[in-house]
Amino acid sequence: MRFSAPPLSSSVPSSVAGAPPLSRQVLVERVLTIWLHENRGTHSIATELGIDEDEVCKIIEQSEGRRP
């Protein structure tokens, strides 16, 4: 089953666009959706979502059953 999240307005990070920060669950879902279905790098994902690249890596590692 594929989950799709609504696109962020013109790829501007939510923190820059003035939107409230994403909830943790939504953030995890967005990171994994972009990582798995759009085949994008961690830097690109971090920039789009307005979070630290290390956080993106932690989310991906945890989803793969690895400890960050």
N, C-alpha and C. Protein backbone atom coordinates (compact mmCIF):
# COMPACT_ATOMS: atom_id res chain seq x y z
N MET A 1 0.85 -1.18 0.00
CA MET A 1 0.00 0.00 0.00
C MET A 1 0.89 1.23 0.00
N ARG A 2 0.60 2.16 -0.86
CA ARG A 2 1.40 3.37 -0.97
C ARG A 2 0.65 4.53 -0.35
N PHE A 3 1.34 5.25 0.50
CA PHE A 3 0.77 6.43 1.13
C PHE A 3 1.29 7.65 0.42
N SER A 4 0.43 8.60 0.19
CA SER A 4 0.92 9.84 -0.41
C SER A 4 0.48 11.00 0.46
N ALA A 5 1.41 11.90 0.66
CA ALA A 5 1.13 13.08 1.46
C ALA A 5 0.95 14.26 0.52
N PRO A 6 0.21 15.27 0.95
CA PRO A 6 0.05 16.43 0.09
C PRO A 6 1.39 17.12 -0.11
N PRO A 7 1.63 17.64 -1.31
CA PRO A 7 2.90 18.30 -1.58
C PRO A 7 3.03 19.59 -0.77
N LEU A 8 4.24 19.88 -0.38
CA LEU A 8 4.50 21.16 0.29
C LEU A 8 4.53 22.24 -0.78
N SER A 9 4.07 23.41 -0.46
CA SER A 9 3.99 24.48 -1.44
C SER A 9 5.35 24.78 -2.03
N SER A 10 5.50 24.52 -3.30
CA SER A 10 6.69 24.78 -4.10
C SER A 10 7.99 24.40 -3.41
N SER A 11 7.98 23.28 -2.70
CA SER A 11 9.18 22.71 -2.06
C SER A 11 9.87 23.65 -1.08
N VAL A 12 9.12 24.57 -0.51
CA VAL A 12 9.67 25.46 0.52
C VAL A 12 9.52 24.76 1.86
N PRO A 13 10.60 24.64 2.63
CA PRO A 13 10.47 23.99 3.94
C PRO A 13 9.37 24.62 4.77
N SER A 14 8.64 23.80 5.51
CA SER A 14 7.51 24.29 6.29
C SER A 14 7.94 25.34 7.29
N SER A 15 9.16 25.21 7.83
CA SER A 15 9.63 26.19 8.81
C SER A 15 9.83 27.56 8.17
N VAL A 16 10.18 27.58 6.89
CA VAL A 16 10.38 28.85 6.18
C VAL A 16 9.04 29.43 5.75
N ALA A 17 8.12 28.57 5.37
CA ALA A 17 6.83 29.01 4.85
C ALA A 17 5.90 29.51 5.96
N GLY A 18 6.31 29.39 7.21
CA GLY A 18 5.49 29.88 8.31
C GLY A 18 4.48 28.86 8.80
N ALA A 19 4.51 27.65 8.26
CA ALA A 19 3.59 26.62 8.69
C ALA A 19 4.09 26.02 10.01
N PRO A 20 3.18 25.46 10.80
CA PRO A 20 3.62 24.82 12.04
C PRO A 20 4.47 23.61 11.71
N PRO A 21 5.37 23.22 12.62
CA PRO A 21 6.21 22.05 12.37
C PRO A 21 5.36 20.79 12.22
N LEU A 22 5.83 19.86 11.43
CA LEU A 22 5.10 18.62 11.22
C LEU A 22 5.12 17.77 12.48
N SER A 23 4.01 17.07 12.75
CA SER A 23 4.01 16.15 13.88
C SER A 23 5.01 15.04 13.59
N ARG A 24 5.48 14.36 14.60
CA ARG A 24 6.51 13.33 14.44
C ARG A 24 6.04 12.23 13.48
N GLN A 25 4.82 11.76 13.64
CA GLN A 25 4.32 10.69 12.78
C GLN A 25 4.24 11.14 11.32
N VAL A 26 3.74 12.33 11.10
CA VAL A 26 3.65 12.85 9.73
C VAL A 26 5.04 13.03 9.15
N LEU A 27 5.96 13.52 9.97
CA LEU A 27 7.34 13.71 9.53
C LEU A 27 7.96 12.38 9.10
N VAL A 28 7.80 11.35 9.91
CA VAL A 28 8.35 10.03 9.59
C VAL A 28 7.74 9.53 8.28
N GLU A 29 6.43 9.65 8.13
CA GLU A 29 5.77 9.20 6.91
C GLU A 29 6.26 9.95 5.69
N ARG A 30 6.42 11.26 5.81
CA ARG A 30 6.92 12.06 4.67
C ARG A 30 8.33 11.67 4.30
N VAL A 31 9.20 11.53 5.30
CA VAL A 31 10.60 11.14 5.03
C VAL A 31 10.63 9.81 4.30
N LEU A 32 9.92 8.82 4.82
CA LEU A 32 9.96 7.49 4.22
C LEU A 32 9.31 7.45 2.84
N THR A 33 8.25 8.21 2.65
CA THR A 33 7.61 8.27 1.34
C THR A 33 8.56 8.84 0.30
N ILE A 34 9.21 9.94 0.65
CA ILE A 34 10.14 10.57 -0.29
C ILE A 34 11.34 9.65 -0.54
N TRP A 35 11.86 9.05 0.52
CA TRP A 35 13.03 8.16 0.41
C TRP A 35 12.73 6.94 -0.46
N LEU A 36 11.60 6.28 -0.20
CA LEU A 36 11.30 5.03 -0.87
C LEU A 36 10.68 5.18 -2.25
N HIS A 37 9.88 6.21 -2.44
CA HIS A 37 9.12 6.31 -3.69
C HIS A 37 9.66 7.35 -4.66
N GLU A 38 10.41 8.31 -4.15
CA GLU A 38 10.96 9.33 -5.04
C GLU A 38 12.47 9.18 -5.22
N ASN A 39 13.05 8.22 -4.48
CA ASN A 39 14.48 7.93 -4.59
C ASN A 39 15.35 9.18 -4.48
N ARG A 40 15.07 9.99 -3.48
CA ARG A 40 15.83 11.21 -3.28
C ARG A 40 16.82 11.03 -2.15
N GLY A 41 17.86 11.85 -2.15
CA GLY A 41 18.89 11.80 -1.14
C GLY A 41 18.46 12.44 0.17
N THR A 42 19.22 12.14 1.21
CA THR A 42 18.88 12.65 2.53
C THR A 42 18.97 14.17 2.61
N HIS A 43 19.92 14.75 1.91
CA HIS A 43 20.04 16.22 1.93
C HIS A 43 18.82 16.88 1.30
N SER A 44 18.38 16.33 0.18
CA SER A 44 17.20 16.86 -0.50
C SER A 44 15.95 16.76 0.37
N ILE A 45 15.80 15.61 1.03
CA ILE A 45 14.65 15.41 1.91
C ILE A 45 14.69 16.40 3.08
N ALA A 46 15.85 16.54 3.70
CA ALA A 46 16.00 17.46 4.82
C ALA A 46 15.68 18.89 4.41
N THR A 47 16.16 19.29 3.25
CA THR A 47 15.90 20.65 2.77
C THR A 47 14.42 20.88 2.53
N GLU A 48 13.76 19.92 1.89
CA GLU A 48 12.33 20.07 1.59
C GLU A 48 11.49 20.15 2.86
N LEU A 49 11.83 19.33 3.85
CA LEU A 49 11.02 19.26 5.07
C LEU A 49 11.47 20.24 6.14
N GLY A 50 12.60 20.90 5.93
CA GLY A 50 13.07 21.89 6.90
C GLY A 50 13.58 21.28 8.18
N ILE A 51 14.22 20.10 8.07
CA ILE A 51 14.78 19.44 9.24
C ILE A 51 16.26 19.14 8.99
N ASP A 52 16.95 18.72 10.04
CA ASP A 52 18.36 18.41 9.95
C ASP A 52 18.55 17.08 9.20
N GLU A 53 19.60 17.01 8.40
CA GLU A 53 19.87 15.80 7.63
C GLU A 53 20.13 14.60 8.55
N ASP A 54 20.73 14.83 9.70
CA ASP A 54 20.96 13.74 10.65
C ASP A 54 19.63 13.12 11.10
N GLU A 55 18.61 13.95 11.27
CA GLU A 55 17.29 13.45 11.66
C GLU A 55 16.70 12.57 10.56
N VAL A 56 16.89 12.97 9.31
CA VAL A 56 16.43 12.16 8.18
C VAL A 56 17.11 10.79 8.21
N CYS A 57 18.41 10.79 8.43
CA CYS A 57 19.17 9.53 8.50
C CYS A 57 18.67 8.64 9.64
N LYS A 58 18.41 9.23 10.80
CA LYS A 58 17.92 8.46 11.94
C LYS A 58 16.57 7.80 11.62
N ILE A 59 15.68 8.54 10.98
CA ILE A 59 14.36 8.02 10.63
C ILE A 59 14.50 6.84 9.67
N ILE A 60 15.34 6.98 8.67
CA ILE A 60 15.55 5.91 7.68
C ILE A 60 16.17 4.69 8.35
N GLU A 61 17.18 4.91 9.17
CA GLU A 61 17.85 3.79 9.85
C GLU A 61 16.89 3.04 10.76
N GLN A 62 16.07 3.77 11.50
CA GLN A 62 15.11 3.13 12.40
C GLN A 62 14.09 2.32 11.60
N SER A 63 13.68 2.83 10.44
CA SER A 63 12.69 2.12 9.63
C SER A 63 13.27 0.81 9.08
N GLU A 64 14.58 0.76 8.95
CA GLU A 64 15.25 -0.44 8.44
C GLU A 64 15.68 -1.36 9.58
N GLY A 65 15.31 -1.02 10.80
CA GLY A 65 15.62 -1.85 11.94
C GLY A 65 17.04 -1.67 12.47
N ARG A 66 17.71 -0.62 12.02
CA ARG A 66 19.05 -0.34 12.51
C ARG A 66 18.96 0.71 13.59
N ARG A 67 19.91 0.69 14.49
CA ARG A 67 19.97 1.72 15.54
C ARG A 67 20.83 2.85 15.05
N PRO A 68 20.36 4.07 15.14
CA PRO A 68 21.16 5.23 14.69
C PRO A 68 22.38 5.45 15.56
